[in-house]
Amino acid sequence: VFCSPDTASALQLSLNDSSTNQNLTNPDSSVPSRIEPITSDKDIFDYL
């Protein structure tokens, strides 16, 4: 999951709280570890 650093911080807080308090759709504890904040170009593939 790519996002800005500030979105990553807010998301980490929200996911930690939301999985118990906001009934997220199929909460998954691995989501926070897959968040990658970026601030500039990022190659996903050599063509993208």
ModelCIF file with pLDDT and N, C-alpha, C, O atoms, coordinates in Angstrom:
data_MODEL
#
_entry.id   MODEL 
#
_entity.id                         1 
_entity.type                       polymer 
_entity.pdbx_number_of_molecules   1 
#
_entity_poly.entity_id                      1 
_entity_poly.type                           'polypeptide(L)' 
_entity_poly.nstd_linkage                   no 
_entity_poly.nstd_monomer                   no 
_entity_poly.pdbx_seq_one_letter_code       VFCSPDTASALQLSLNDSSTNQNLTNPDSSVPSRIEPITSDKDIFDYL 
_entity_poly.pdbx_seq_one_letter_code_can   VFCSPDTASALQLSLNDSSTNQNLTNPDSSVPSRIEPITSDKDIFDYL 
_entity_poly.pdbx_strand_id                 A 
#
loop_
_entity_poly_seq.entity_id 
_entity_poly_seq.num 
_entity_poly_seq.mon_id 
_entity_poly_seq.hetero 
1 1  VAL n 
1 2  PHE n 
1 3  CYS n 
1 4  SER n 
1 5  PRO n 
1 6  ASP n 
1 7  THR n 
1 8  ALA n 
1 9  SER n 
1 10 ALA n 
1 11 LEU n 
1 12 GLN n 
1 13 LEU n 
1 14 SER n 
1 15 LEU n 
1 16 ASN n 
1 17 ASP n 
1 18 SER n 
1 19 SER n 
1 20 THR n 
1 21 ASN n 
1 22 GLN n 
1 23 ASN n 
1 24 LEU n 
1 25 THR n 
1 26 ASN n 
1 27 PRO n 
1 28 ASP n 
1 29 SER n 
1 30 SER n 
1 31 VAL n 
1 32 PRO n 
1 33 SER n 
1 34 ARG n 
1 35 ILE n 
1 36 GLU n 
1 37 PRO n 
1 38 ILE n 
1 39 THR n 
1 40 SER n 
1 41 ASP n 
1 42 LYS n 
1 43 ASP n 
1 44 ILE n 
1 45 PHE n 
1 46 ASP n 
1 47 TYR n 
1 48 LEU n 
#
_struct_asym.id          A 
_struct_asym.entity_id   1 
#
loop_
_ma_qa_metric.id 
_ma_qa_metric.mode 
_ma_qa_metric.name 
_ma_qa_metric.software_group_id 
_ma_qa_metric.type 
1 global pLDDT . pLDDT 
2 local  pLDDT . pLDDT 
#
_ma_qa_metric_global.metric_id      1 
_ma_qa_metric_global.metric_value   80.00 
_ma_qa_metric_global.model_id       1 
_ma_qa_metric_global.ordinal_id     1 
#
loop_
_ma_qa_metric_local.label_asym_id 
_ma_qa_metric_local.label_comp_id 
_ma_qa_metric_local.label_seq_id 
_ma_qa_metric_local.metric_id 
_ma_qa_metric_local.metric_value 
_ma_qa_metric_local.model_id 
_ma_qa_metric_local.ordinal_id 
A VAL 1  2 91.00 1 1  
A PHE 2  2 95.00 1 2  
A CYS 3  2 95.00 1 3  
A SER 4  2 94.00 1 4  
A PRO 5  2 95.00 1 5  
A ASP 6  2 92.00 1 6  
A THR 7  2 90.00 1 7  
A ALA 8  2 92.00 1 8  
A SER 9  2 91.00 1 9  
A ALA 10 2 88.00 1 10 
A LEU 11 2 86.00 1 11 
A GLN 12 2 84.00 1 12 
A LEU 13 2 83.00 1 13 
A SER 14 2 79.00 1 14 
A LEU 15 2 76.00 1 15 
A ASN 16 2 74.00 1 16 
A ASP 17 2 69.00 1 17 
A SER 18 2 52.00 1 18 
A SER 19 2 51.00 1 19 
A THR 20 2 52.00 1 20 
A ASN 21 2 48.00 1 21 
A GLN 22 2 54.00 1 22 
A ASN 23 2 52.00 1 23 
A LEU 24 2 58.00 1 24 
A THR 25 2 54.00 1 25 
A ASN 26 2 55.00 1 26 
A PRO 27 2 57.00 1 27 
A ASP 28 2 62.00 1 28 
A SER 29 2 68.00 1 29 
A SER 30 2 73.00 1 30 
A VAL 31 2 79.00 1 31 
A PRO 32 2 79.00 1 32 
A SER 33 2 83.00 1 33 
A ARG 34 2 87.00 1 34 
A ILE 35 2 90.00 1 35 
A GLU 36 2 93.00 1 36 
A PRO 37 2 95.00 1 37 
A ILE 38 2 96.00 1 38 
A THR 39 2 95.00 1 39 
A SER 40 2 95.00 1 40 
A ASP 41 2 95.00 1 41 
A LYS 42 2 95.00 1 42 
A ASP 43 2 95.00 1 43 
A ILE 44 2 91.00 1 44 
A PHE 45 2 88.00 1 45 
A ASP 46 2 89.00 1 46 
A TYR 47 2 92.00 1 47 
A LEU 48 2 93.00 1 48 
#
loop_
_atom_site.group_PDB 
_atom_site.id 
_atom_site.type_symbol 
_atom_site.label_atom_id 
_atom_site.label_alt_id 
_atom_site.label_comp_id 
_atom_site.label_asym_id 
_atom_site.label_entity_id 
_atom_site.label_seq_id 
_atom_site.pdbx_PDB_ins_code 
_atom_site.Cartn_x 
_atom_site.Cartn_y 
_atom_site.Cartn_z 
_atom_site.occupancy 
_atom_site.B_iso_or_equiv 
_atom_site.pdbx_formal_charge 
_atom_site.auth_seq_id 
_atom_site.auth_comp_id 
_atom_site.auth_asym_id 
_atom_site.auth_atom_id 
_atom_site.pdbx_PDB_model_num 
ATOM 1   N N  . VAL A 1 1  ? 0.875   -1.169 0.000   1.00 91.00 ? 1  VAL A N  1 
ATOM 2   C CA . VAL A 1 1  ? 0.000   0.000  0.000   1.00 91.00 ? 1  VAL A CA 1 
ATOM 3   C C  . VAL A 1 1  ? 0.910   1.215  0.000   1.00 91.00 ? 1  VAL A C  1 
ATOM 4   O O  . VAL A 1 1  ? 1.638   1.444  0.966   1.00 91.00 ? 1  VAL A O  1 
ATOM 5   N N  . PHE A 1 2  ? 0.878   2.005  -1.082  1.00 95.00 ? 2  PHE A N  1 
ATOM 6   C CA . PHE A 1 2  ? 1.700   3.201  -1.182  1.00 95.00 ? 2  PHE A CA 1 
ATOM 7   C C  . PHE A 1 2  ? 0.871   4.417  -0.808  1.00 95.00 ? 2  PHE A C  1 
ATOM 8   O O  . PHE A 1 2  ? -0.289  4.539  -1.202  1.00 95.00 ? 2  PHE A O  1 
ATOM 9   N N  . CYS A 1 3  ? 1.480   5.317  -0.040  1.00 95.00 ? 3  CYS A N  1 
ATOM 10  C CA . CYS A 1 3  ? 0.812   6.539  0.391   1.00 95.00 ? 3  CYS A CA 1 
ATOM 11  C C  . CYS A 1 3  ? 1.875   7.529  0.859   1.00 95.00 ? 3  CYS A C  1 
ATOM 12  O O  . CYS A 1 3  ? 3.064   7.210  0.873   1.00 95.00 ? 3  CYS A O  1 
ATOM 13  N N  . SER A 1 4  ? 1.444   8.727  1.239   1.00 94.00 ? 4  SER A N  1 
ATOM 14  C CA . SER A 1 4  ? 2.385   9.715  1.767   1.00 94.00 ? 4  SER A CA 1 
ATOM 15  C C  . SER A 1 4  ? 2.774   9.322  3.196   1.00 94.00 ? 4  SER A C  1 
ATOM 16  O O  . SER A 1 4  ? 2.062   8.545  3.833   1.00 94.00 ? 4  SER A O  1 
ATOM 17  N N  . PRO A 1 5  ? 3.891   9.844  3.709   1.00 95.00 ? 5  PRO A N  1 
ATOM 18  C CA . PRO A 1 5  ? 4.284   9.529  5.093   1.00 95.00 ? 5  PRO A CA 1 
ATOM 19  C C  . PRO A 1 5  ? 3.220   9.919  6.122   1.00 95.00 ? 5  PRO A C  1 
ATOM 20  O O  . PRO A 1 5  ? 2.987   9.178  7.077   1.00 95.00 ? 5  PRO A O  1 
ATOM 21  N N  . ASP A 1 6  ? 2.574   11.074 5.937   1.00 92.00 ? 6  ASP A N  1 
ATOM 22  C CA . ASP A 1 6  ? 1.554   11.483 6.904   1.00 92.00 ? 6  ASP A CA 1 
ATOM 23  C C  . ASP A 1 6  ? 0.309   10.610 6.817   1.00 92.00 ? 6  ASP A C  1 
ATOM 24  O O  . ASP A 1 6  ? -0.322  10.327 7.836   1.00 92.00 ? 6  ASP A O  1 
ATOM 25  N N  . THR A 1 7  ? -0.048  10.182 5.617   1.00 90.00 ? 7  THR A N  1 
ATOM 26  C CA . THR A 1 7  ? -1.166  9.257  5.479   1.00 90.00 ? 7  THR A CA 1 
ATOM 27  C C  . THR A 1 7  ? -0.805  7.923  6.131   1.00 90.00 ? 7  THR A C  1 
ATOM 28  O O  . THR A 1 7  ? -1.649  7.303  6.777   1.00 90.00 ? 7  THR A O  1 
ATOM 29  N N  . ALA A 1 8  ? 0.433   7.483  5.967   1.00 92.00 ? 8  ALA A N  1 
ATOM 30  C CA . ALA A 1 8  ? 0.881   6.225  6.588   1.00 92.00 ? 8  ALA A CA 1 
ATOM 31  C C  . ALA A 1 8  ? 0.761   6.306  8.108   1.00 92.00 ? 8  ALA A C  1 
ATOM 32  O O  . ALA A 1 8  ? 0.287   5.363  8.742   1.00 92.00 ? 8  ALA A O  1 
ATOM 33  N N  . SER A 1 9  ? 1.186   7.421  8.695   1.00 91.00 ? 9  SER A N  1 
ATOM 34  C CA . SER A 1 9  ? 1.097   7.582  10.150  1.00 91.00 ? 9  SER A CA 1 
ATOM 35  C C  . SER A 1 9  ? -0.349  7.559  10.619  1.00 91.00 ? 9  SER A C  1 
ATOM 36  O O  . SER A 1 9  ? -0.687  6.872  11.583  1.00 91.00 ? 9  SER A O  1 
ATOM 37  N N  . ALA A 1 10 ? -1.207  8.320  9.925   1.00 88.00 ? 10 ALA A N  1 
ATOM 38  C CA . ALA A 1 10 ? -2.626  8.347  10.299  1.00 88.00 ? 10 ALA A CA 1 
ATOM 39  C C  . ALA A 1 10 ? -3.265  6.982  10.110  1.00 88.00 ? 10 ALA A C  1 
ATOM 40  O O  . ALA A 1 10 ? -4.090  6.560  10.920  1.00 88.00 ? 10 ALA A O  1 
ATOM 41  N N  . LEU A 1 11 ? -2.887  6.293  9.042   1.00 86.00 ? 11 LEU A N  1 
ATOM 42  C CA . LEU A 1 11 ? -3.445  4.975  8.759   1.00 86.00 ? 11 LEU A CA 1 
ATOM 43  C C  . LEU A 1 11 ? -3.026  3.958  9.820   1.00 86.00 ? 11 LEU A C  1 
ATOM 44  O O  . LEU A 1 11 ? -3.837  3.147  10.266  1.00 86.00 ? 11 LEU A O  1 
ATOM 45  N N  . GLN A 1 12 ? -1.760  4.009  10.216  1.00 84.00 ? 12 GLN A N  1 
ATOM 46  C CA . GLN A 1 12 ? -1.289  3.087  11.263  1.00 84.00 ? 12 GLN A CA 1 
ATOM 47  C C  . GLN A 1 12 ? -2.126  3.272  12.537  1.00 84.00 ? 12 GLN A C  1 
ATOM 48  O O  . GLN A 1 12 ? -2.563  2.291  13.140  1.00 84.00 ? 12 GLN A O  1 
ATOM 49  N N  . LEU A 1 13 ? -2.348  4.525  12.944  1.00 83.00 ? 13 LEU A N  1 
ATOM 50  C CA . LEU A 1 13 ? -3.160  4.794  14.130  1.00 83.00 ? 13 LEU A CA 1 
ATOM 51  C C  . LEU A 1 13 ? -4.591  4.316  13.938  1.00 83.00 ? 13 LEU A C  1 
ATOM 52  O O  . LEU A 1 13 ? -5.169  3.688  14.824  1.00 83.00 ? 13 LEU A O  1 
ATOM 53  N N  . SER A 1 14 ? -5.156  4.617  12.779  1.00 79.00 ? 14 SER A N  1 
ATOM 54  C CA . SER A 1 14 ? -6.550  4.235  12.508  1.00 79.00 ? 14 SER A CA 1 
ATOM 55  C C  . SER A 1 14 ? -6.727  2.730  12.477  1.00 79.00 ? 14 SER A C  1 
ATOM 56  O O  . SER A 1 14 ? -7.691  2.207  13.037  1.00 79.00 ? 14 SER A O  1 
ATOM 57  N N  . LEU A 1 15 ? -5.813  2.029  11.831  1.00 76.00 ? 15 LEU A N  1 
ATOM 58  C CA . LEU A 1 15 ? -5.941  0.571  11.735  1.00 76.00 ? 15 LEU A CA 1 
ATOM 59  C C  . LEU A 1 15 ? -5.800  -0.090 13.100  1.00 76.00 ? 15 LEU A C  1 
ATOM 60  O O  . LEU A 1 15 ? -6.502  -1.055 13.400  1.00 76.00 ? 15 LEU A O  1 
ATOM 61  N N  . ASN A 1 16 ? -4.903  0.421  13.920  1.00 74.00 ? 16 ASN A N  1 
ATOM 62  C CA . ASN A 1 16 ? -4.746  -0.155 15.256  1.00 74.00 ? 16 ASN A CA 1 
ATOM 63  C C  . ASN A 1 16 ? -6.022  0.017  16.061  1.00 74.00 ? 16 ASN A C  1 
ATOM 64  O O  . ASN A 1 16 ? -6.409  -0.882 16.807  1.00 74.00 ? 16 ASN A O  1 
ATOM 65  N N  . ASP A 1 17 ? -6.680  1.155  15.919  1.00 69.00 ? 17 ASP A N  1 
ATOM 66  C CA . ASP A 1 17 ? -7.920  1.419  16.631  1.00 69.00 ? 17 ASP A CA 1 
ATOM 67  C C  . ASP A 1 17 ? -9.117  0.797  15.910  1.00 69.00 ? 17 ASP A C  1 
ATOM 68  O O  . ASP A 1 17 ? -9.998  0.226  16.551  1.00 69.00 ? 17 ASP A O  1 
ATOM 69  N N  . SER A 1 18 ? -9.150  0.905  14.601  1.00 52.00 ? 18 SER A N  1 
ATOM 70  C CA . SER A 1 18 ? -10.325 0.499  13.833  1.00 52.00 ? 18 SER A CA 1 
ATOM 71  C C  . SER A 1 18 ? -10.597 -0.993 13.880  1.00 52.00 ? 18 SER A C  1 
ATOM 72  O O  . SER A 1 18 ? -11.756 -1.405 13.863  1.00 52.00 ? 18 SER A O  1 
ATOM 73  N N  . SER A 1 19 ? -9.562  -1.804 13.938  1.00 51.00 ? 19 SER A N  1 
ATOM 74  C CA . SER A 1 19 ? -9.798  -3.252 13.892  1.00 51.00 ? 19 SER A CA 1 
ATOM 75  C C  . SER A 1 19 ? -10.605 -3.722 15.089  1.00 51.00 ? 19 SER A C  1 
ATOM 76  O O  . SER A 1 19 ? -11.278 -4.751 15.022  1.00 51.00 ? 19 SER A O  1 
ATOM 77  N N  . THR A 1 20 ? -10.542 -2.974 16.186  1.00 52.00 ? 20 THR A N  1 
ATOM 78  C CA . THR A 1 20 ? -11.340 -3.372 17.339  1.00 52.00 ? 20 THR A CA 1 
ATOM 79  C C  . THR A 1 20 ? -12.568 -2.509 17.545  1.00 52.00 ? 20 THR A C  1 
ATOM 80  O O  . THR A 1 20 ? -13.560 -2.977 18.104  1.00 52.00 ? 20 THR A O  1 
ATOM 81  N N  . ASN A 1 21 ? -12.528 -1.246 17.104  1.00 48.00 ? 21 ASN A N  1 
ATOM 82  C CA . ASN A 1 21 ? -13.609 -0.326 17.437  1.00 48.00 ? 21 ASN A CA 1 
ATOM 83  C C  . ASN A 1 21 ? -14.504 0.084  16.275  1.00 48.00 ? 21 ASN A C  1 
ATOM 84  O O  . ASN A 1 21 ? -15.620 0.546  16.513  1.00 48.00 ? 21 ASN A O  1 
ATOM 85  N N  . GLN A 1 22 ? -14.063 -0.066 15.029  1.00 54.00 ? 22 GLN A N  1 
ATOM 86  C CA . GLN A 1 22 ? -14.864 0.440  13.924  1.00 54.00 ? 22 GLN A CA 1 
ATOM 87  C C  . GLN A 1 22 ? -15.366 -0.657 12.986  1.00 54.00 ? 22 GLN A C  1 
ATOM 88  O O  . GLN A 1 22 ? -15.922 -0.347 11.932  1.00 54.00 ? 22 GLN A O  1 
ATOM 89  N N  . ASN A 1 23 ? -15.190 -1.899 13.332  1.00 52.00 ? 23 ASN A N  1 
ATOM 90  C CA . ASN A 1 23 ? -15.697 -3.010 12.523  1.00 52.00 ? 23 ASN A CA 1 
ATOM 91  C C  . ASN A 1 23 ? -15.292 -2.911 11.053  1.00 52.00 ? 23 ASN A C  1 
ATOM 92  O O  . ASN A 1 23 ? -16.148 -2.931 10.169  1.00 52.00 ? 23 ASN A O  1 
ATOM 93  N N  . LEU A 1 24 ? -14.002 -2.807 10.795  1.00 58.00 ? 24 LEU A N  1 
ATOM 94  C CA . LEU A 1 24 ? -13.519 -2.786 9.424   1.00 58.00 ? 24 LEU A CA 1 
ATOM 95  C C  . LEU A 1 24 ? -13.900 -4.081 8.723   1.00 58.00 ? 24 LEU A C  1 
ATOM 96  O O  . LEU A 1 24 ? -14.097 -5.112 9.367   1.00 58.00 ? 24 LEU A O  1 
ATOM 97  N N  . THR A 1 25 ? -14.001 -4.021 7.404   1.00 54.00 ? 25 THR A N  1 
ATOM 98  C CA . THR A 1 25 ? -14.318 -5.198 6.614   1.00 54.00 ? 25 THR A CA 1 
ATOM 99  C C  . THR A 1 25 ? -13.142 -6.163 6.660   1.00 54.00 ? 25 THR A C  1 
ATOM 100 O O  . THR A 1 25 ? -12.063 -5.831 6.167   1.00 54.00 ? 25 THR A O  1 
ATOM 101 N N  . ASN A 1 26 ? -13.316 -7.326 7.227   1.00 55.00 ? 26 ASN A N  1 
ATOM 102 C CA . ASN A 1 26 ? -12.271 -8.343 7.345   1.00 55.00 ? 26 ASN A CA 1 
ATOM 103 C C  . ASN A 1 26 ? -10.918 -7.768 7.776   1.00 55.00 ? 26 ASN A C  1 
ATOM 104 O O  . ASN A 1 26 ? -9.957  -7.818 7.008   1.00 55.00 ? 26 ASN A O  1 
ATOM 105 N N  . PRO A 1 27 ? -10.832 -7.219 9.004   1.00 57.00 ? 27 PRO A N  1 
ATOM 106 C CA . PRO A 1 27 ? -9.552  -6.647 9.427   1.00 57.00 ? 27 PRO A CA 1 
ATOM 107 C C  . PRO A 1 27 ? -8.436  -7.689 9.350   1.00 57.00 ? 27 PRO A C  1 
ATOM 108 O O  . PRO A 1 27 ? -8.657  -8.868 9.625   1.00 57.00 ? 27 PRO A O  1 
ATOM 109 N N  . ASP A 1 28 ? -7.260  -7.251 8.982   1.00 62.00 ? 28 ASP A N  1 
ATOM 110 C CA . ASP A 1 28 ? -6.121  -8.138 8.794   1.00 62.00 ? 28 ASP A CA 1 
ATOM 111 C C  . ASP A 1 28 ? -4.921  -7.495 9.474   1.00 62.00 ? 28 ASP A C  1 
ATOM 112 O O  . ASP A 1 28 ? -4.544  -6.373 9.135   1.00 62.00 ? 28 ASP A O  1 
ATOM 113 N N  . SER A 1 29 ? -4.329  -8.181 10.413  1.00 68.00 ? 29 SER A N  1 
ATOM 114 C CA . SER A 1 29 ? -3.220  -7.600 11.176  1.00 68.00 ? 29 SER A CA 1 
ATOM 115 C C  . SER A 1 29 ? -1.968  -7.379 10.334  1.00 68.00 ? 29 SER A C  1 
ATOM 116 O O  . SER A 1 29 ? -1.050  -6.697 10.789  1.00 68.00 ? 29 SER A O  1 
ATOM 117 N N  . SER A 1 30 ? -1.895  -7.929 9.127   1.00 73.00 ? 30 SER A N  1 
ATOM 118 C CA . SER A 1 30 ? -0.712  -7.738 8.292   1.00 73.00 ? 30 SER A CA 1 
ATOM 119 C C  . SER A 1 30 ? -0.754  -6.440 7.485   1.00 73.00 ? 30 SER A C  1 
ATOM 120 O O  . SER A 1 30 ? 0.255   -6.053 6.895   1.00 73.00 ? 30 SER A O  1 
ATOM 121 N N  . VAL A 1 31 ? -1.896  -5.766 7.450   1.00 79.00 ? 31 VAL A N  1 
ATOM 122 C CA . VAL A 1 31 ? -2.013  -4.544 6.643   1.00 79.00 ? 31 VAL A CA 1 
ATOM 123 C C  . VAL A 1 31 ? -0.976  -3.501 7.052   1.00 79.00 ? 31 VAL A C  1 
ATOM 124 O O  . VAL A 1 31 ? -0.291  -2.981 6.170   1.00 79.00 ? 31 VAL A O  1 
ATOM 125 N N  . PRO A 1 32 ? -0.815  -3.160 8.340   1.00 79.00 ? 32 PRO A N  1 
ATOM 126 C CA . PRO A 1 32 ? 0.168   -2.124 8.684   1.00 79.00 ? 32 PRO A CA 1 
ATOM 127 C C  . PRO A 1 32 ? 1.590   -2.425 8.196   1.00 79.00 ? 32 PRO A C  1 
ATOM 128 O O  . PRO A 1 32 ? 2.326   -1.499 7.855   1.00 79.00 ? 32 PRO A O  1 
ATOM 129 N N  . SER A 1 33 ? 1.982   -3.687 8.157   1.00 83.00 ? 33 SER A N  1 
ATOM 130 C CA . SER A 1 33 ? 3.342   -4.017 7.721   1.00 83.00 ? 33 SER A CA 1 
ATOM 131 C C  . SER A 1 33 ? 3.531   -3.859 6.211   1.00 83.00 ? 33 SER A C  1 
ATOM 132 O O  . SER A 1 33 ? 4.662   -3.856 5.723   1.00 83.00 ? 33 SER A O  1 
ATOM 133 N N  . ARG A 1 34 ? 2.451   -3.731 5.489   1.00 87.00 ? 34 ARG A N  1 
ATOM 134 C CA . ARG A 1 34 ? 2.542   -3.598 4.029   1.00 87.00 ? 34 ARG A CA 1 
ATOM 135 C C  . ARG A 1 34 ? 2.437   -2.148 3.550   1.00 87.00 ? 34 ARG A C  1 
ATOM 136 O O  . ARG A 1 34 ? 2.478   -1.888 2.348   1.00 87.00 ? 34 ARG A O  1 
ATOM 137 N N  . ILE A 1 35 ? 2.303   -1.215 4.476   1.00 90.00 ? 35 ILE A N  1 
ATOM 138 C CA . ILE A 1 35 ? 2.206   0.199  4.122   1.00 90.00 ? 35 ILE A CA 1 
ATOM 139 C C  . ILE A 1 35 ? 3.603   0.732  3.837   1.00 90.00 ? 35 ILE A C  1 
ATOM 140 O O  . ILE A 1 35 ? 4.513   0.578  4.652   1.00 90.00 ? 35 ILE A O  1 
ATOM 141 N N  . GLU A 1 36 ? 3.769   1.359  2.678   1.00 93.00 ? 36 GLU A N  1 
ATOM 142 C CA . GLU A 1 36 ? 5.068   1.927  2.304   1.00 93.00 ? 36 GLU A CA 1 
ATOM 143 C C  . GLU A 1 36 ? 4.895   3.403  1.948   1.00 93.00 ? 36 GLU A C  1 
ATOM 144 O O  . GLU A 1 36 ? 4.393   3.732  0.873   1.00 93.00 ? 36 GLU A O  1 
ATOM 145 N N  . PRO A 1 37 ? 5.314   4.293  2.856   1.00 95.00 ? 37 PRO A N  1 
ATOM 146 C CA . PRO A 1 37 ? 5.209   5.718  2.548   1.00 95.00 ? 37 PRO A CA 1 
ATOM 147 C C  . PRO A 1 37 ? 6.260   6.140  1.520   1.00 95.00 ? 37 PRO A C  1 
ATOM 148 O O  . PRO A 1 37 ? 7.414   5.717  1.591   1.00 95.00 ? 37 PRO A O  1 
ATOM 149 N N  . ILE A 1 38 ? 5.852   6.978  0.568   1.00 96.00 ? 38 ILE A N  1 
ATOM 150 C CA . ILE A 1 38 ? 6.794   7.494  -0.425  1.00 96.00 ? 38 ILE A CA 1 
ATOM 151 C C  . ILE A 1 38 ? 6.567   8.995  -0.606  1.00 96.00 ? 38 ILE A C  1 
ATOM 152 O O  . ILE A 1 38 ? 5.473   9.508  -0.374  1.00 96.00 ? 38 ILE A O  1 
ATOM 153 N N  . THR A 1 39 ? 7.629   9.684  -1.025  1.00 95.00 ? 39 THR A N  1 
ATOM 154 C CA . THR A 1 39 ? 7.546   11.128 -1.237  1.00 95.00 ? 39 THR A CA 1 
ATOM 155 C C  . THR A 1 39 ? 7.909   11.535 -2.661  1.00 95.00 ? 39 THR A C  1 
ATOM 156 O O  . THR A 1 39 ? 7.755   12.697 -3.036  1.00 95.00 ? 39 THR A O  1 
ATOM 157 N N  . SER A 1 40 ? 8.388   10.585 -3.449  1.00 95.00 ? 40 SER A N  1 
ATOM 158 C CA . SER A 1 40 ? 8.780   10.899 -4.826  1.00 95.00 ? 40 SER A CA 1 
ATOM 159 C C  . SER A 1 40 ? 8.543   9.678  -5.710  1.00 95.00 ? 40 SER A C  1 
ATOM 160 O O  . SER A 1 40 ? 7.920   8.705  -5.284  1.00 95.00 ? 40 SER A O  1 
ATOM 161 N N  . ASP A 1 41 ? 9.042   9.735  -6.937  1.00 95.00 ? 41 ASP A N  1 
ATOM 162 C CA . ASP A 1 41 ? 8.828   8.652  -7.901  1.00 95.00 ? 41 ASP A CA 1 
ATOM 163 C C  . ASP A 1 41 ? 9.172   7.286  -7.315  1.00 95.00 ? 41 ASP A C  1 
ATOM 164 O O  . ASP A 1 41 ? 10.137  7.139  -6.565  1.00 95.00 ? 41 ASP A O  1 
ATOM 165 N N  . LYS A 1 42 ? 8.366   6.297  -7.670  1.00 95.00 ? 42 LYS A N  1 
ATOM 166 C CA . LYS A 1 42 ? 8.605   4.922  -7.240  1.00 95.00 ? 42 LYS A CA 1 
ATOM 167 C C  . LYS A 1 42 ? 8.304   4.002  -8.412  1.00 95.00 ? 42 LYS A C  1 
ATOM 168 O O  . LYS A 1 42 ? 7.193   4.011  -8.942  1.00 95.00 ? 42 LYS A O  1 
ATOM 169 N N  . ASP A 1 43 ? 9.288   3.207  -8.819  1.00 95.00 ? 43 ASP A N  1 
ATOM 170 C CA . ASP A 1 43 ? 9.079   2.221  -9.877  1.00 95.00 ? 43 ASP A CA 1 
ATOM 171 C C  . ASP A 1 43 ? 8.391   1.001  -9.288  1.00 95.00 ? 43 ASP A C  1 
ATOM 172 O O  . ASP A 1 43 ? 8.899   0.375  -8.357  1.00 95.00 ? 43 ASP A O  1 
ATOM 173 N N  . ILE A 1 44 ? 7.233   0.670  -9.841  1.00 91.00 ? 44 ILE A N  1 
ATOM 174 C CA . ILE A 1 44 ? 6.514   -0.539 -9.428  1.00 91.00 ? 44 ILE A CA 1 
ATOM 175 C C  . ILE A 1 44 ? 6.980   -1.707 -10.294 1.00 91.00 ? 44 ILE A C  1 
ATOM 176 O O  . ILE A 1 44 ? 7.233   -2.804 -9.796  1.00 91.00 ? 44 ILE A O  1 
ATOM 177 N N  . PHE A 1 45 ? 7.089   -1.455 -11.583 1.00 88.00 ? 45 PHE A N  1 
ATOM 178 C CA . PHE A 1 45 ? 7.679   -2.371 -12.553 1.00 88.00 ? 45 PHE A CA 1 
ATOM 179 C C  . PHE A 1 45 ? 8.602   -1.532 -13.420 1.00 88.00 ? 45 PHE A C  1 
ATOM 180 O O  . PHE A 1 45 ? 8.621   -0.309 -13.281 1.00 88.00 ? 45 PHE A O  1 
ATOM 181 N N  . ASP A 1 46 ? 9.364   -2.148 -14.305 1.00 89.00 ? 46 ASP A N  1 
ATOM 182 C CA . ASP A 1 46 ? 10.238  -1.356 -15.174 1.00 89.00 ? 46 ASP A CA 1 
ATOM 183 C C  . ASP A 1 46 ? 9.455   -0.511 -16.166 1.00 89.00 ? 46 ASP A C  1 
ATOM 184 O O  . ASP A 1 46 ? 10.018  0.395  -16.780 1.00 89.00 ? 46 ASP A O  1 
ATOM 185 N N  . TYR A 1 47 ? 8.177   -0.787 -16.334 1.00 92.00 ? 47 TYR A N  1 
ATOM 186 C CA . TYR A 1 47 ? 7.339   -0.025 -17.255 1.00 92.00 ? 47 TYR A CA 1 
ATOM 187 C C  . TYR A 1 47 ? 6.293   0.840  -16.550 1.00 92.00 ? 47 TYR A C  1 
ATOM 188 O O  . TYR A 1 47 ? 5.465   1.455  -17.221 1.00 92.00 ? 47 TYR A O  1 
ATOM 189 N N  . LEU A 1 48 ? 6.308   0.904  -15.198 1.00 93.00 ? 48 LEU A N  1 
ATOM 190 C CA . LEU A 1 48 ? 5.289   1.649  -14.469 1.00 93.00 ? 48 LEU A CA 1 
ATOM 191 C C  . LEU A 1 48 ? 5.896   2.365  -13.272 1.00 93.00 ? 48 LEU A C  1 
ATOM 192 O O  . LEU A 1 48 ? 5.184   3.048  -12.535 1.00 93.00 ? 48 LEU A O  1 
#
